[in-house]
Amino acid sequence: MTPALRWSNAARRDLLDVWAWRGRERPELGDRALDRIHAACERLTRFPKLGPAFPHMALEARKLTIERYLAFYRIDPDAIVVVRVVDQRPLLDAVKFEEA
């Protein structure tokens, strides 16, 4: 049986933020970003272990990279639960590429 895909309230808020940021000048860009995120997360219902374990966040956490976004999720007995969706670009912008 294929598990359901569920979104936490925090993940739903994250998606609204993604849409608002990406679609701020052209709403269709926000729509496309959400379509790509949803399609990638839907694949988790067929391949739940597609994303690697990410115990740095929580023991049951897994991470799926979707272009510039990270979807953090867990595998429940009856569902894949997307807990958060974050834009990794601000994180990468903070990293300095320099030699020690």
PDB file of N, CA and C in Angstrom:
ATOM      1  N   MET A   1       0.841  -1.187   0.000  1.00  0.00           N
ATOM      2  CA  MET A   1       0.000   0.000   0.000  1.00  0.00           C
ATOM      3  C   MET A   1       0.887   1.252   0.000  1.00  0.00           C
ATOM      4  N   THR A   2       0.571   2.183  -0.858  1.00  0.00           N
ATOM      5  CA  THR A   2       1.322   3.430  -0.955  1.00  0.00           C
ATOM      6  C   THR A   2       0.945   4.350   0.200  1.00  0.00           C
ATOM      7  N   PRO A   3       1.939   4.863   0.920  1.00  0.00           N
ATOM      8  CA  PRO A   3       1.616   5.765   2.022  1.00  0.00           C
ATOM      9  C   PRO A   3       1.095   7.111   1.509  1.00  0.00           C
ATOM     10  N   ALA A   4       0.346   7.788   2.338  1.00  0.00           N
ATOM     11  CA  ALA A   4      -0.154   9.123   2.010  1.00  0.00           C
ATOM     12  C   ALA A   4       0.978  10.135   2.169  1.00  0.00           C
ATOM     13  N   LEU A   5       0.823  11.276   1.543  1.00  0.00           N
ATOM     14  CA  LEU A   5       1.756  12.384   1.729  1.00  0.00           C
ATOM     15  C   LEU A   5       1.045  13.427   2.571  1.00  0.00           C
ATOM     16  N   ARG A   6       1.655  13.803   3.680  1.00  0.00           N
ATOM     17  CA  ARG A   6       1.067  14.807   4.570  1.00  0.00           C
ATOM     18  C   ARG A   6       2.070  15.940   4.762  1.00  0.00           C
ATOM     19  N   TRP A   7       1.544  17.111   5.025  1.00  0.00           N
ATOM     20  CA  TRP A   7       2.357  18.311   5.233  1.00  0.00           C
ATOM     21  C   TRP A   7       2.068  18.854   6.626  1.00  0.00           C
ATOM     22  N   SER A   8       3.115  19.133   7.397  1.00  0.00           N
ATOM     23  CA  SER A   8       2.910  19.754   8.707  1.00  0.00           C
ATOM     24  C   SER A   8       2.450  21.194   8.498  1.00  0.00           C
ATOM     25  N   ASN A   9       1.918  21.794   9.541  1.00  0.00           N
ATOM     26  CA  ASN A   9       1.524  23.205   9.449  1.00  0.00           C
ATOM     27  C   ASN A   9       2.734  24.084   9.133  1.00  0.00           C
ATOM     28  N   ALA A  10       3.881  23.757   9.723  1.00  0.00           N
ATOM     29  CA  ALA A  10       5.095  24.540   9.448  1.00  0.00           C
ATOM     30  C   ALA A  10       5.493  24.420   7.984  1.00  0.00           C
ATOM     31  N   ALA A  11       5.385  23.221   7.409  1.00  0.00           N
ATOM     32  CA  ALA A  11       5.726  23.028   5.990  1.00  0.00           C
ATOM     33  C   ALA A  11       4.759  23.810   5.102  1.00  0.00           C
ATOM     34  N   ARG A  12       3.489  23.843   5.477  1.00  0.00           N
ATOM     35  CA  ARG A  12       2.516  24.619   4.696  1.00  0.00           C
ATOM     36  C   ARG A  12       2.868  26.106   4.726  1.00  0.00           C
ATOM     37  N   ARG A  13       3.274  26.602   5.896  1.00  0.00           N
ATOM     38  CA  ARG A  13       3.701  28.006   5.991  1.00  0.00           C
ATOM     39  C   ARG A  13       4.951  28.232   5.149  1.00  0.00           C
ATOM     40  N   ASP A  14       5.869  27.255   5.182  1.00  0.00           N
ATOM     41  CA  ASP A  14       7.082  27.368   4.368  1.00  0.00           C
ATOM     42  C   ASP A  14       6.738  27.484   2.892  1.00  0.00           C
ATOM     43  N   LEU A  15       5.774  26.685   2.430  1.00  0.00           N
ATOM     44  CA  LEU A  15       5.372  26.730   1.022  1.00  0.00           C
ATOM     45  C   LEU A  15       4.769  28.088   0.666  1.00  0.00           C
ATOM     46  N   LEU A  16       4.000  28.650   1.581  1.00  0.00           N
ATOM     47  CA  LEU A  16       3.456  29.995   1.341  1.00  0.00           C
ATOM     48  C   LEU A  16       4.586  31.009   1.221  1.00  0.00           C
ATOM     49  N   ASP A  17       5.612  30.878   2.057  1.00  0.00           N
ATOM     50  CA  ASP A  17       6.766  31.775   1.984  1.00  0.00           C
ATOM     51  C   ASP A  17       7.500  31.615   0.655  1.00  0.00           C
ATOM     52  N   VAL A  18       7.671  30.364   0.221  1.00  0.00           N
ATOM     53  CA  VAL A  18       8.325  30.110  -1.070  1.00  0.00           C
ATOM     54  C   VAL A  18       7.530  30.785  -2.179  1.00  0.00           C
ATOM     55  N   TRP A  19       6.219  30.583  -2.176  1.00  0.00           N
ATOM     56  CA  TRP A  19       5.398  31.173  -3.225  1.00  0.00           C
ATOM     57  C   TRP A  19       5.477  32.697  -3.187  1.00  0.00           C
ATOM     58  N   ALA A  20       5.396  33.264  -1.993  1.00  0.00           N
ATOM     59  CA  ALA A  20       5.425  34.730  -1.866  1.00  0.00           C
ATOM     60  C   ALA A  20       6.758  35.290  -2.364  1.00  0.00           C
ATOM     61  N   TRP A  21       7.856  34.616  -2.054  1.00  0.00           N
ATOM     62  CA  TRP A  21       9.167  35.110  -2.461  1.00  0.00           C
ATOM     63  C   TRP A  21       9.374  34.909  -3.964  1.00  0.00           C
ATOM     64  N   ARG A  22       9.145  33.703  -4.453  1.00  0.00           N
ATOM     65  CA  ARG A  22       9.380  33.409  -5.870  1.00  0.00           C
ATOM     66  C   ARG A  22       8.365  34.115  -6.764  1.00  0.00           C
ATOM     67  N   GLY A  23       7.153  34.319  -6.274  1.00  0.00           N
ATOM     68  CA  GLY A  23       6.114  34.922  -7.094  1.00  0.00           C
ATOM     69  C   GLY A  23       5.882  36.398  -6.830  1.00  0.00           C
ATOM     70  N   ARG A  24       6.793  37.028  -6.139  1.00  0.00           N
ATOM     71  CA  ARG A  24       6.572  38.417  -5.740  1.00  0.00           C
ATOM     72  C   ARG A  24       6.368  39.347  -6.933  1.00  0.00           C
ATOM     73  N   GLU A  25       7.047  39.099  -8.047  1.00  0.00           N
ATOM     74  CA  GLU A  25       6.860  39.934  -9.228  1.00  0.00           C
ATOM     75  C   GLU A  25       6.117  39.200 -10.341  1.00  0.00           C
ATOM     76  N   ARG A  26       6.280  37.873 -10.371  1.00  0.00           N
ATOM     77  CA  ARG A  26       5.611  37.056 -11.389  1.00  0.00           C
ATOM     78  C   ARG A  26       5.031  35.827 -10.705  1.00  0.00           C
ATOM     79  N   PRO A  27       3.743  35.845 -10.407  1.00  0.00           N
ATOM     80  CA  PRO A  27       3.118  34.730  -9.675  1.00  0.00           C
ATOM     81  C   PRO A  27       3.350  33.360 -10.297  1.00  0.00           C
ATOM     82  N   GLU A  28       3.500  33.289 -11.616  1.00  0.00           N
ATOM     83  CA  GLU A  28       3.718  31.989 -12.250  1.00  0.00           C
ATOM     84  C   GLU A  28       5.042  31.356 -11.807  1.00  0.00           C
ATOM     85  N   LEU A  29       6.023  32.168 -11.414  1.00  0.00           N
ATOM     86  CA  LEU A  29       7.279  31.613 -10.907  1.00  0.00           C
ATOM     87  C   LEU A  29       7.061  30.943  -9.550  1.00  0.00           C
ATOM     88  N   GLY A  30       6.232  31.554  -8.724  1.00  0.00           N
ATOM     89  CA  GLY A  30       5.875  30.940  -7.451  1.00  0.00           C
ATOM     90  C   GLY A  30       5.115  29.646  -7.657  1.00  0.00           C
ATOM     91  N   ASP A  31       4.199  29.655  -8.612  1.00  0.00           N
ATOM     92  CA  ASP A  31       3.434  28.447  -8.928  1.00  0.00           C
ATOM     93  C   ASP A  31       4.356  27.320  -9.390  1.00  0.00           C
ATOM     94  N   ARG A  32       5.307  27.644 -10.263  1.00  0.00           N
ATOM     95  CA  ARG A  32       6.225  26.615 -10.775  1.00  0.00           C
ATOM     96  C   ARG A  32       7.099  26.038  -9.666  1.00  0.00           C
ATOM     97  N   ALA A  33       7.565  26.904  -8.762  1.00  0.00           N
ATOM     98  CA  ALA A  33       8.391  26.420  -7.649  1.00  0.00           C
ATOM     99  C   ALA A  33       7.595  25.440  -6.792  1.00  0.00           C
ATOM    100  N   LEU A  34       6.352  25.782  -6.488  1.00  0.00           N
ATOM    101  CA  LEU A  34       5.528  24.883  -5.675  1.00  0.00           C
ATOM    102  C   LEU A  34       5.222  23.594  -6.418  1.00  0.00           C
ATOM    103  N   ASP A  35       4.990  23.677  -7.724  1.00  0.00           N
ATOM    104  CA  ASP A  35       4.740  22.465  -8.511  1.00  0.00           C
ATOM    105  C   ASP A  35       5.937  21.519  -8.439  1.00  0.00           C
ATOM    106  N   ARG A  36       7.148  22.058  -8.553  1.00  0.00           N
ATOM    107  CA  ARG A  36       8.351  21.212  -8.495  1.00  0.00           C
ATOM    108  C   ARG A  36       8.530  20.592  -7.113  1.00  0.00           C
ATOM    109  N   ILE A  37       8.271  21.364  -6.072  1.00  0.00           N
ATOM    110  CA  ILE A  37       8.386  20.845  -4.706  1.00  0.00           C
ATOM    111  C   ILE A  37       7.354  19.742  -4.477  1.00  0.00           C
ATOM    112  N   HIS A  38       6.108  19.994  -4.869  1.00  0.00           N
ATOM    113  CA  HIS A  38       5.055  18.979  -4.695  1.00  0.00           C
ATOM    114  C   HIS A  38       5.370  17.709  -5.466  1.00  0.00           C
ATOM    115  N   ALA A  39       5.823  17.834  -6.712  1.00  0.00           N
ATOM    116  CA  ALA A  39       6.128  16.652  -7.527  1.00  0.00           C
ATOM    117  C   ALA A  39       7.253  15.832  -6.904  1.00  0.00           C
ATOM    118  N   ALA A  40       8.285  16.506  -6.424  1.00  0.00           N
ATOM    119  CA  ALA A  40       9.405  15.794  -5.798  1.00  0.00           C
ATOM    120  C   ALA A  40       8.947  15.078  -4.528  1.00  0.00           C
ATOM    121  N   CYS A  41       8.134  15.746  -3.728  1.00  0.00           N
ATOM    122  CA  CYS A  41       7.658  15.129  -2.485  1.00  0.00           C
ATOM    123  C   CYS A  41       6.685  13.988  -2.767  1.00  0.00           C
ATOM    124  N   GLU A  42       5.906  14.087  -3.822  1.00  0.00           N
ATOM    125  CA  GLU A  42       5.008  12.987  -4.203  1.00  0.00           C
ATOM    126  C   GLU A  42       5.799  11.720  -4.513  1.00  0.00           C
ATOM    127  N   ARG A  43       6.994  11.855  -5.084  1.00  0.00           N
ATOM    128  CA  ARG A  43       7.833  10.685  -5.373  1.00  0.00           C
ATOM    129  C   ARG A  43       8.177   9.925  -4.097  1.00  0.00           C
ATOM    130  N   LEU A  44       8.190  10.627  -2.963  1.00  0.00           N
ATOM    131  CA  LEU A  44       8.501   9.971  -1.691  1.00  0.00           C
ATOM    132  C   LEU A  44       7.469   8.907  -1.325  1.00  0.00           C
ATOM    133  N   THR A  45       6.256   9.024  -1.834  1.00  0.00           N
ATOM    134  CA  THR A  45       5.241   8.010  -1.520  1.00  0.00           C
ATOM    135  C   THR A  45       5.586   6.678  -2.182  1.00  0.00           C
ATOM    136  N   ARG A  46       6.344   6.729  -3.278  1.00  0.00           N
ATOM    137  CA  ARG A  46       6.780   5.494  -3.951  1.00  0.00           C
ATOM    138  C   ARG A  46       8.173   5.067  -3.498  1.00  0.00           C
ATOM    139  N   PHE A  47       8.995   6.050  -3.151  1.00  0.00           N
ATOM    140  CA  PHE A  47      10.381   5.789  -2.755  1.00  0.00           C
ATOM    141  C   PHE A  47      10.682   6.553  -1.464  1.00  0.00           C
ATOM    142  N   PRO A  48      10.174   6.075  -0.331  1.00  0.00           N
ATOM    143  CA  PRO A  48      10.278   6.825   0.924  1.00  0.00           C
ATOM    144  C   PRO A  48      11.716   7.111   1.368  1.00  0.00           C
ATOM    145  N   LYS A  49      12.648   6.269   0.980  1.00  0.00           N
ATOM    146  CA  LYS A  49      14.029   6.469   1.414  1.00  0.00           C
ATOM    147  C   LYS A  49      14.867   7.167   0.344  1.00  0.00           C
ATOM    148  N   LEU A  50      14.192   7.890  -0.549  1.00  0.00           N
ATOM    149  CA  LEU A  50      14.873   8.627  -1.600  1.00  0.00           C
ATOM    150  C   LEU A  50      15.851   9.645  -1.013  1.00  0.00           C
ATOM    151  N   GLY A  51      15.423  10.319   0.029  1.00  0.00           N
ATOM    152  CA  GLY A  51      16.292  11.286   0.697  1.00  0.00           C
ATOM    153  C   GLY A  51      17.084  10.606   1.795  1.00  0.00           C
ATOM    154  N   PRO A  52      18.335  11.019   1.985  1.00  0.00           N
ATOM    155  CA  PRO A  52      19.151  10.385   3.020  1.00  0.00           C
ATOM    156  C   PRO A  52      18.675  10.745   4.430  1.00  0.00           C
ATOM    157  N   ALA A  53      19.038   9.888   5.363  1.00  0.00           N
ATOM    158  CA  ALA A  53      18.756  10.183   6.775  1.00  0.00           C
ATOM    159  C   ALA A  53      19.481  11.472   7.141  1.00  0.00           C
ATOM    160  N   PHE A  54      18.895  12.230   8.038  1.00  0.00           N
ATOM    161  CA  PHE A  54      19.491  13.491   8.481  1.00  0.00           C
ATOM    162  C   PHE A  54      19.350  13.604   9.993  1.00  0.00           C
ATOM    163  N   PRO A  55      20.085  12.743  10.735  1.00  0.00           N
ATOM    164  CA  PRO A  55      19.921  12.698  12.188  1.00  0.00           C
ATOM    165  C   PRO A  55      20.402  13.955  12.910  1.00  0.00           C
ATOM    166  N   HIS A  56      21.064  14.869  12.205  1.00  0.00           N
ATOM    167  CA  HIS A  56      21.477  16.126  12.843  1.00  0.00           C
ATOM    168  C   HIS A  56      20.261  16.925  13.305  1.00  0.00           C
ATOM    169  N   MET A  57      19.150  16.746  12.598  1.00  0.00           N
ATOM    170  CA  MET A  57      17.929  17.480  12.931  1.00  0.00           C
ATOM    171  C   MET A  57      17.081  16.703  13.938  1.00  0.00           C
ATOM    172  N   ALA A  58      16.867  15.417  13.658  1.00  0.00           N
ATOM    173  CA  ALA A  58      16.105  14.523  14.541  1.00  0.00           C
ATOM    174  C   ALA A  58      16.426  13.100  14.120  1.00  0.00           C
ATOM    175  N   LEU A  59      16.277  12.150  15.020  1.00  0.00           N
ATOM    176  CA  LEU A  59      16.625  10.772  14.701  1.00  0.00           C
ATOM    177  C   LEU A  59      15.867  10.233  13.497  1.00  0.00           C
ATOM    178  N   GLU A  60      14.590  10.608  13.350  1.00  0.00           N
ATOM    179  CA  GLU A  60      13.785  10.079  12.260  1.00  0.00           C
ATOM    180  C   GLU A  60      13.798  10.967  11.012  1.00  0.00           C
ATOM    181  N   ALA A  61      14.540  12.071  11.046  1.00  0.00           N
ATOM    182  CA  ALA A  61      14.531  13.035   9.943  1.00  0.00           C
ATOM    183  C   ALA A  61      15.255  12.511   8.707  1.00  0.00           C
ATOM    184  N   ARG A  62      14.703  12.875   7.563  1.00  0.00           N
ATOM    185  CA  ARG A  62      15.327  12.611   6.264  1.00  0.00           C
ATOM    186  C   ARG A  62      15.284  13.931   5.493  1.00  0.00           C
ATOM    187  N   LYS A  63      16.159  14.044   4.493  1.00  0.00           N
ATOM    188  CA  LYS A  63      16.291  15.304   3.753  1.00  0.00           C
ATOM    189  C   LYS A  63      16.221  15.022   2.258  1.00  0.00           C
ATOM    190  N   LEU A  64      15.381  15.773   1.558  1.00  0.00           N
ATOM    191  CA  LEU A  64      15.272  15.662   0.113  1.00  0.00           C
ATOM    192  C   LEU A  64      15.661  17.001  -0.496  1.00  0.00           C
ATOM    193  N   THR A  65      16.632  16.985  -1.395  1.00  0.00           N
ATOM    194  CA  THR A  65      17.052  18.208  -2.078  1.00  0.00           C
ATOM    195  C   THR A  65      16.226  18.373  -3.347  1.00  0.00           C
ATOM    196  N   ILE A  66      15.622  19.546  -3.480  1.00  0.00           N
ATOM    197  CA  ILE A  66      14.785  19.869  -4.634  1.00  0.00           C
ATOM    198  C   ILE A  66      15.284  21.213  -5.169  1.00  0.00           C
ATOM    199  N   GLU A  67      16.198  21.143  -6.127  1.00  0.00           N
ATOM    200  CA  GLU A  67      16.818  22.347  -6.662  1.00  0.00           C
ATOM    201  C   GLU A  67      17.413  23.150  -5.514  1.00  0.00           C
ATOM    202  N   ARG A  68      16.901  24.331  -5.259  1.00  0.00           N
ATOM    203  CA  ARG A  68      17.467  25.168  -4.198  1.00  0.00           C
ATOM    204  C   ARG A  68      16.792  24.964  -2.840  1.00  0.00           C
ATOM    205  N   TYR A  69      15.858  24.034  -2.771  1.00  0.00           N
ATOM    206  CA  TYR A  69      15.095  23.810  -1.542  1.00  0.00           C
ATOM    207  C   TYR A  69      15.462  22.490  -0.884  1.00  0.00           C
ATOM    208  N   LEU A  70      15.264  22.444   0.411  1.00  0.00           N
ATOM    209  CA  LEU A  70      15.422  21.211   1.180  1.00  0.00           C
ATOM    210  C   LEU A  70      14.077  20.906   1.822  1.00  0.00           C
ATOM    211  N   ALA A  71      13.597  19.694   1.602  1.00  0.00           N
ATOM    212  CA  ALA A  71      12.374  19.229   2.259  1.00  0.00           C
ATOM    213  C   ALA A  71      12.803  18.235   3.328  1.00  0.00           C
ATOM    214  N   PHE A  72      12.494  18.529   4.559  1.00  0.00           N
ATOM    215  CA  PHE A  72      12.797  17.631   5.671  1.00  0.00           C
ATOM    216  C   PHE A  72      11.525  16.842   5.969  1.00  0.00           C
ATOM    217  N   TYR A  73      11.662  15.531   6.081  1.00  0.00           N
ATOM    218  CA  TYR A  73      10.483  14.686   6.253  1.00  0.00           C
ATOM    219  C   TYR A  73      10.789  13.495   7.147  1.00  0.00           C
ATOM    220  N   ARG A  74       9.718  12.816   7.531  1.00  0.00           N
ATOM    221  CA  ARG A  74       9.853  11.569   8.285  1.00  0.00           C
ATOM    222  C   ARG A  74       8.925  10.533   7.663  1.00  0.00           C
ATOM    223  N   ILE A  75       9.265   9.286   7.909  1.00  0.00           N
ATOM    224  CA  ILE A  75       8.459   8.180   7.402  1.00  0.00           C
ATOM    225  C   ILE A  75       7.657   7.625   8.573  1.00  0.00           C
ATOM    226  N   ASP A  76       6.341   7.812   8.527  1.00  0.00           N
ATOM    227  CA  ASP A  76       5.441   7.230   9.512  1.00  0.00           C
ATOM    228  C   ASP A  76       4.895   5.924   8.939  1.00  0.00           C
ATOM    229  N   PRO A  77       4.302   5.065   9.756  1.00  0.00           N
ATOM    230  CA  PRO A  77       3.781   3.795   9.241  1.00  0.00           C
ATOM    231  C   PRO A  77       2.777   3.946   8.097  1.00  0.00           C
ATOM    232  N   ASP A  78       1.965   5.007   8.117  1.00  0.00           N
ATOM    233  CA  ASP A  78       0.930   5.167   7.097  1.00  0.00           C
ATOM    234  C   ASP A  78       1.108   6.396   6.214  1.00  0.00           C
ATOM    235  N   ALA A  79       2.190   7.161   6.431  1.00  0.00           N
ATOM    236  CA  ALA A  79       2.337   8.406   5.673  1.00  0.00           C
ATOM    237  C   ALA A  79       3.786   8.876   5.636  1.00  0.00           C
ATOM    238  N   ILE A  80       4.058   9.671   4.621  1.00  0.00           N
ATOM    239  CA  ILE A  80       5.289  10.447   4.557  1.00  0.00           C
ATOM    240  C   ILE A  80       4.888  11.840   5.021  1.00  0.00           C
ATOM    241  N   VAL A  81       5.547  12.353   6.043  1.00  0.00           N
ATOM    242  CA  VAL A  81       5.180  13.656   6.594  1.00  0.00           C
ATOM    243  C   VAL A  81       6.296  14.652   6.290  1.00  0.00           C
ATOM    244  N   VAL A  82       5.985  15.644   5.453  1.00  0.00           N
ATOM    245  CA  VAL A  82       6.929  16.722   5.174  1.00  0.00           C
ATOM    246  C   VAL A  82       6.805  17.701   6.336  1.00  0.00           C
ATOM    247  N   VAL A  83       7.901  17.858   7.061  1.00  0.00           N
ATOM    248  CA  VAL A  83       7.886  18.661   8.282  1.00  0.00           C
ATOM    249  C   VAL A  83       8.255  20.116   8.007  1.00  0.00           C
ATOM    250  N   ARG A  84       9.263  20.330   7.135  1.00  0.00           N
ATOM    251  CA  ARG A  84       9.692  21.691   6.787  1.00  0.00           C
ATOM    252  C   ARG A  84      10.177  21.710   5.346  1.00  0.00           C
ATOM    253  N   VAL A  85      10.087  22.876   4.721  1.00  0.00           N
ATOM    254  CA  VAL A  85      10.653  23.117   3.398  1.00  0.00           C
ATOM    255  C   VAL A  85      11.408  24.440   3.495  1.00  0.00           C
ATOM    256  N   VAL A  86      12.714  24.390   3.254  1.00  0.00           N
ATOM    257  CA  VAL A  86      13.514  25.603   3.409  1.00  0.00           C
ATOM    258  C   VAL A  86      14.317  25.880   2.146  1.00  0.00           C
ATOM    259  N   ASP A  87      14.546  27.149   1.912  1.00  0.00           N
ATOM    260  CA  ASP A  87      15.388  27.604   0.811  1.00  0.00           C
ATOM    261  C   ASP A  87      16.822  27.568   1.319  1.00  0.00           C
ATOM    262  N   GLN A  88      17.680  26.815   0.644  1.00  0.00           N
ATOM    263  CA  GLN A  88      19.052  26.700   1.130  1.00  0.00           C
ATOM    264  C   GLN A  88      19.955  27.822   0.638  1.00  0.00           C
ATOM    265  N   ARG A  89      19.489  28.666  -0.261  1.00  0.00           N
ATOM    266  CA  ARG A  89      20.338  29.735  -0.772  1.00  0.00           C
ATOM    267  C   ARG A  89      20.827  30.682   0.325  1.00  0.00           C
ATOM    268  N   PRO A  90      19.955  31.148   1.251  1.00  0.00           N
ATOM    269  CA  PRO A  90      20.485  32.017   2.319  1.00  0.00           C
ATOM    270  C   PRO A  90      21.560  31.315   3.153  1.00  0.00           C
ATOM    271  N   LEU A  91      21.413  30.011   3.339  1.00  0.00           N
ATOM    272  CA  LEU A  91      22.429  29.274   4.087  1.00  0.00           C
ATOM    273  C   LEU A  91      23.743  29.268   3.324  1.00  0.00           C
ATOM    274  N   LEU A  92      23.669  29.029   2.024  1.00  0.00           N
ATOM    275  CA  LEU A  92      24.872  28.988   1.208  1.00  0.00           C
ATOM    276  C   LEU A  92      25.507  30.366   1.064  1.00  0.00           C
ATOM    277  N   ASP A  93      24.692  31.414   1.039  1.00  0.00           N
ATOM    278  CA  ASP A  93      25.227  32.768   0.934  1.00  0.00           C
ATOM    279  C   ASP A  93      26.085  33.135   2.144  1.00  0.00           C
ATOM    280  N   ALA A  94      25.812  32.508   3.292  1.00  0.00           N
ATOM    281  CA  ALA A  94      26.554  32.801   4.513  1.00  0.00           C
ATOM    282  C   ALA A  94      27.909  32.101   4.559  1.00  0.00           C
ATOM    283  N   VAL A  95      28.109  31.105   3.697  1.00  0.00           N
ATOM    284  CA  VAL A  95      29.357  30.343   3.701  1.00  0.00           C
ATOM    285  C   VAL A  95      30.413  31.097   2.901  1.00  0.00           C
ATOM    286  N   LYS A  96      31.580  31.269   3.492  1.00  0.00           N
ATOM    287  CA  LYS A  96      32.687  31.933   2.817  1.00  0.00           C
ATOM    288  C   LYS A  96      33.589  30.881   2.185  1.00  0.00           C
ATOM    289  N   PHE A  97      33.944  31.083   0.946  1.00  0.00           N
ATOM    290  CA  PHE A  97      34.851  30.173   0.263  1.00  0.00           C
ATOM    291  C   PHE A  97      36.240  30.790   0.323  1.00  0.00           C
ATOM    292  N   GLU A  98      36.998  30.308   1.285  1.00  0.00           N
ATOM    293  CA  GLU A  98      38.359  30.832   1.432  1.00  0.00           C
ATOM    294  C   GLU A  98      39.234  29.741   2.020  1.00  0.00           C
ATOM    295  N   GLU A  99      40.490  29.829   1.727  1.00  0.00           N
ATOM    296  CA  GLU A  99      41.437  28.857   2.256  1.00  0.00           C
ATOM    297  C   GLU A  99      41.921  29.316   3.618  1.00  0.00           C
ATOM    298  N   ALA A 100      42.217  28.345   4.469  1.00  0.00           N
ATOM    299  CA  ALA A 100      42.701  28.646   5.811  1.00  0.00           C
ATOM    300  C   ALA A 100      44.195  28.889   5.777  1.00  0.00           C
TER     301      ALA A 100
END
